[in-house]
Every structure is written in C-alpha cells, then in structure tokens.
Amino acid sequence: MTKEKNELWEWTKALLIAIGLAAVIRYFLFAPIVVDGYSMMPTLHNGDRMIVNKLGKPERFDIIVFHAPEQKDYIKRVIGLPGDTVEYRDDTLYINGKPYAEPYLDSYKSQIVEGPLTEDFTLEETPVGQKTVPKGELFVMGDNRRSSKDSRHIGSISIKKVIGDTNMVYWPFKDIRYVK
C-alpha cells in the first residue's frame, strides 16, 4: 500500500511541476497568438498562428503584439522609436529625415493601380500631435497601409503595453515560416 501511495505522490509531483513550468513559460517567456484581420497583409494572413517572444525590447521594424485601447491585442510593425521623427512623402518612409526602404511592402506596392500605398503624413498630423515619438512610446503601422488601424489613428503606444515581438508562423502547417 505504501509503495502505491508513494508512486501516486511521485506522479502528482511530476504533473504539478509540468503544469507550473508550462504556466511560467507561457506567462513570462512565450505565448501563442492568432492573427485576427488583414492589417498586416501581405506579411501575415488572417488566422496565422504565431509565437510571441516576451523577452527583449522592441526594435525598429519588429512585428509586435500589444494591448490596444479597444481592450484588444493588436499586431503591428514598429516604425518609430522614442525621439524619432516619422514622415511619409511620395510613398517613402522618412525617419529622422532619412529615407528607409520597406521591402516587406514591395509585393503590395506592385499591385497598386491608383495612388500610393501609404498616404503622406507627418507625426504632427496624427493623434501623436508632436514632432517626435514621445519618450516611452512607439509609433506602429500595419503592413496593409490602406486598411490598418494603427498609430495614424490611435496615436503612439506605450512600450509598457507591448506583450512581445513575433516572427514565427507555426500554423497553418503548410505556411510555417519566419517573417521579417
């Protein structure tokens, strides 16, 4: 009888440790997310399942997941870091006055028949309302520039609201890939 109780206790401990490790990993290190919508097309597709890395800090052009004002989590690309000026002119991104290539938009730009993919704007013309991205905040945009609710509409987002960055699609299985 003692041997059976001891074996049951060992299995219970192993199960509790496994559940505890899974909870710690999910809460502090990595978490799954499902892309909901088309704002990151063509890079990400509606229904893509991804892994969010909660370690590290966001860098320019990272794809991040954050808590949006609408009590939802959004997935967008970091364009402006604290202190940056951000401007779009003639479908070209300028950060701190320097033009930047956005190769992840090339396939969309080639499909555009009329007008630019991204309308001209400066930070002052967005809800940010100032020349530079505020300290402790990020300016984010979706890759589907014509159909994305991003910092051009909701303003800059606090770095404290960032859950993590993501660059790996793990489902659907045929679409497993790293994204930039």
Protein backbone atom coordinates (compact mmCIF):
# COMPACT_ATOMS: atom_id res chain seq x y z
CA MET A 1 0.00 0.00 0.00
CA THR A 2 2.83 2.42 0.84
CA LYS A 3 4.51 1.78 -2.49
CA GLU A 4 1.29 2.62 -4.38
CA LYS A 5 0.83 5.85 -2.37
CA ASN A 6 4.44 6.80 -2.97
CA GLU A 7 4.12 6.20 -6.72
CA LEU A 8 0.89 8.25 -6.86
CA TRP A 9 2.64 11.08 -5.00
CA GLU A 10 5.58 10.99 -7.44
CA TRP A 11 3.22 11.19 -10.44
CA THR A 12 1.30 14.04 -8.81
CA LYS A 13 4.52 15.98 -8.16
CA ALA A 14 5.70 15.45 -11.75
CA LEU A 15 2.35 16.65 -13.10
CA LEU A 16 2.34 19.75 -10.85
CA ILE A 17 5.90 20.63 -11.87
CA ALA A 18 4.99 20.25 -15.56
CA ILE A 19 1.91 22.48 -15.17
CA GLY A 20 3.95 25.05 -13.23
CA LEU A 21 6.69 25.13 -15.87
CA ALA A 22 4.14 25.49 -18.68
CA ALA A 23 2.47 28.39 -16.84
CA VAL A 24 5.79 30.17 -16.22
CA ILE A 25 6.88 29.72 -19.85
CA ARG A 26 3.55 30.99 -21.20
CA TYR A 27 3.24 33.93 -18.80
CA PHE A 28 6.85 35.17 -18.81
CA LEU A 29 8.61 33.86 -21.94
CA PHE A 30 6.47 32.79 -24.90
CA ALA A 31 2.77 32.80 -25.79
CA PRO A 32 0.70 31.83 -28.83
CA ILE A 33 -1.35 34.40 -30.75
CA VAL A 34 -3.75 34.18 -33.68
CA VAL A 35 -3.66 36.94 -36.31
CA ASP A 36 -7.15 38.42 -36.48
CA GLY A 37 -7.77 40.52 -39.56
CA TYR A 38 -5.95 41.78 -42.61
CA SER A 39 -3.98 44.79 -41.34
CA MET A 40 -0.62 43.00 -41.69
CA MET A 41 -1.17 41.64 -45.21
CA PRO A 42 0.82 40.59 -47.21
CA THR A 43 3.29 39.68 -44.42
CA LEU A 44 0.73 37.95 -42.18
CA HIS A 45 -2.63 36.43 -43.03
CA ASN A 46 -5.87 36.23 -41.09
CA GLY A 47 -5.76 33.05 -38.99
CA ASP A 48 -1.96 32.70 -38.91
CA ARG A 49 -0.85 31.32 -35.57
CA MET A 50 2.36 32.76 -34.18
CA ILE A 51 4.65 32.59 -31.16
CA VAL A 52 5.11 35.84 -29.19
CA ASN A 53 8.54 36.26 -27.61
CA LYS A 54 8.13 38.23 -24.37
CA LEU A 55 11.86 38.72 -23.87
CA GLY A 56 13.80 41.71 -25.15
CA LYS A 57 12.75 45.18 -26.16
CA PRO A 58 11.13 46.25 -29.44
CA GLU A 59 13.38 47.48 -32.23
CA ARG A 60 12.58 49.31 -35.45
CA PHE A 61 10.65 47.17 -37.98
CA ASP A 62 9.96 44.38 -35.44
CA ILE A 63 6.46 42.94 -35.58
CA ILE A 64 4.99 43.33 -32.10
CA VAL A 65 1.84 42.41 -30.22
CA PHE A 66 0.44 44.99 -27.79
CA HIS A 67 -2.64 45.84 -25.76
CA ALA A 68 -4.62 48.37 -27.82
CA PRO A 69 -7.03 50.97 -26.42
CA GLU A 70 -10.05 48.89 -27.55
CA GLN A 71 -9.26 46.16 -24.98
CA LYS A 72 -7.89 44.02 -27.81
CA ASP A 73 -4.41 42.89 -28.68
CA TYR A 74 -3.08 44.30 -31.95
CA ILE A 75 -0.21 43.07 -34.09
CA LYS A 76 1.71 45.80 -35.96
CA ARG A 77 5.18 46.78 -37.13
CA VAL A 78 7.35 49.20 -35.13
CA ILE A 79 8.15 52.21 -37.32
CA GLY A 80 9.17 54.95 -34.89
CA LEU A 81 11.11 54.67 -31.64
CA PRO A 82 11.10 57.25 -28.82
CA GLY A 83 12.54 60.55 -30.07
CA ASP A 84 12.17 59.71 -33.79
CA THR A 85 10.51 61.93 -36.35
CA VAL A 86 8.35 59.91 -38.74
CA GLU A 87 7.05 61.14 -42.07
CA TYR A 88 5.66 59.67 -45.28
CA ARG A 89 6.15 61.50 -48.59
CA ASP A 90 5.52 60.10 -52.05
CA ASP A 91 5.08 56.56 -50.66
CA THR A 92 8.51 56.70 -48.97
CA LEU A 93 9.12 56.39 -45.24
CA TYR A 94 11.40 59.00 -43.67
CA ILE A 95 12.70 58.52 -40.14
CA ASN A 96 14.70 61.41 -38.71
CA GLY A 97 14.82 62.86 -42.24
CA LYS A 98 16.43 59.73 -43.75
CA PRO A 99 14.53 57.61 -46.33
CA TYR A 100 14.05 53.94 -45.43
CA ALA A 101 13.30 51.03 -47.76
CA GLU A 102 10.45 48.77 -46.72
CA PRO A 103 10.99 45.55 -48.70
CA TYR A 104 8.11 43.83 -46.88
CA LEU A 105 5.75 46.19 -48.80
CA ASP A 106 7.16 45.59 -52.30
CA SER A 107 4.60 42.95 -53.30
CA TYR A 108 1.72 45.22 -52.24
CA LYS A 109 3.17 48.29 -53.95
CA SER A 110 3.48 46.37 -57.22
CA GLN A 111 -0.27 45.59 -57.11
CA ILE A 112 -1.36 49.20 -56.56
CA VAL A 113 -3.01 50.64 -59.66
CA GLU A 114 -4.05 54.03 -58.37
CA GLY A 115 -2.48 56.29 -55.73
CA PRO A 116 0.14 55.50 -53.13
CA LEU A 117 0.05 52.53 -50.74
CA THR A 118 0.68 54.90 -47.83
CA GLU A 119 -0.80 58.39 -47.81
CA ASP A 120 1.52 61.28 -46.93
CA PHE A 121 1.61 62.32 -43.26
CA THR A 122 3.82 63.70 -40.50
CA LEU A 123 3.62 62.80 -36.82
CA GLU A 124 2.08 66.18 -36.10
CA GLU A 125 -0.85 65.29 -38.40
CA THR A 126 -1.58 62.07 -36.46
CA PRO A 127 -3.03 61.69 -32.95
CA VAL A 128 0.59 61.78 -31.69
CA GLY A 129 0.34 65.53 -32.40
CA GLN A 130 4.02 66.39 -31.98
CA LYS A 131 7.25 66.35 -33.98
CA THR A 132 8.76 63.26 -32.34
CA VAL A 133 7.58 59.96 -30.90
CA PRO A 134 7.15 60.59 -27.14
CA LYS A 135 9.56 59.08 -24.62
CA GLY A 136 8.50 55.56 -23.61
CA GLU A 137 6.26 55.18 -26.67
CA LEU A 138 6.33 53.60 -30.16
CA PHE A 139 4.80 54.55 -33.50
CA VAL A 140 3.40 51.41 -35.16
CA MET A 141 1.80 50.68 -38.52
CA GLY A 142 0.22 47.68 -40.20
CA ASP A 143 1.74 46.48 -43.47
CA ASN A 144 -1.66 46.78 -45.18
CA ARG A 145 -1.37 50.57 -45.08
CA ARG A 146 -4.72 51.22 -46.73
CA SER A 147 -6.61 49.08 -44.23
CA SER A 148 -4.90 49.24 -40.86
CA LYS A 149 -5.95 50.87 -37.61
CA ASP A 150 -2.56 51.89 -36.27
CA SER A 151 -0.69 54.85 -34.77
CA ARG A 152 -2.01 57.07 -37.54
CA HIS A 153 -5.44 56.58 -35.92
CA ILE A 154 -4.85 55.60 -32.27
CA GLY A 155 -1.64 57.53 -31.60
CA SER A 156 1.62 56.19 -30.26
CA ILE A 157 1.54 53.23 -27.91
CA SER A 158 3.27 52.86 -24.58
CA ILE A 159 6.19 50.44 -24.51
CA LYS A 160 4.60 49.13 -21.29
CA LYS A 161 1.63 47.88 -23.37
CA VAL A 162 3.88 45.71 -25.57
CA ILE A 163 3.43 41.99 -24.93
CA GLY A 164 6.36 40.98 -27.11
CA ASP A 165 7.64 40.59 -30.63
CA THR A 166 6.83 37.84 -33.07
CA ASN A 167 8.43 36.49 -36.21
CA MET A 168 7.45 32.83 -36.48
CA VAL A 169 4.25 31.49 -38.02
CA TYR A 170 3.70 27.92 -36.86
CA TRP A 171 0.22 27.28 -38.31
CA PRO A 172 -1.19 26.53 -40.84
CA PHE A 173 1.42 23.84 -41.23
CA LYS A 174 1.97 24.49 -44.95
CA ASP A 175 2.78 28.15 -44.16
CA ILE A 176 5.37 27.64 -41.37
CA ARG A 177 7.89 30.43 -41.78
CA TYR A 178 9.91 33.22 -40.23
CA VAL A 179 8.71 36.70 -41.15
CA LYS A 180 10.61 39.96 -41.32
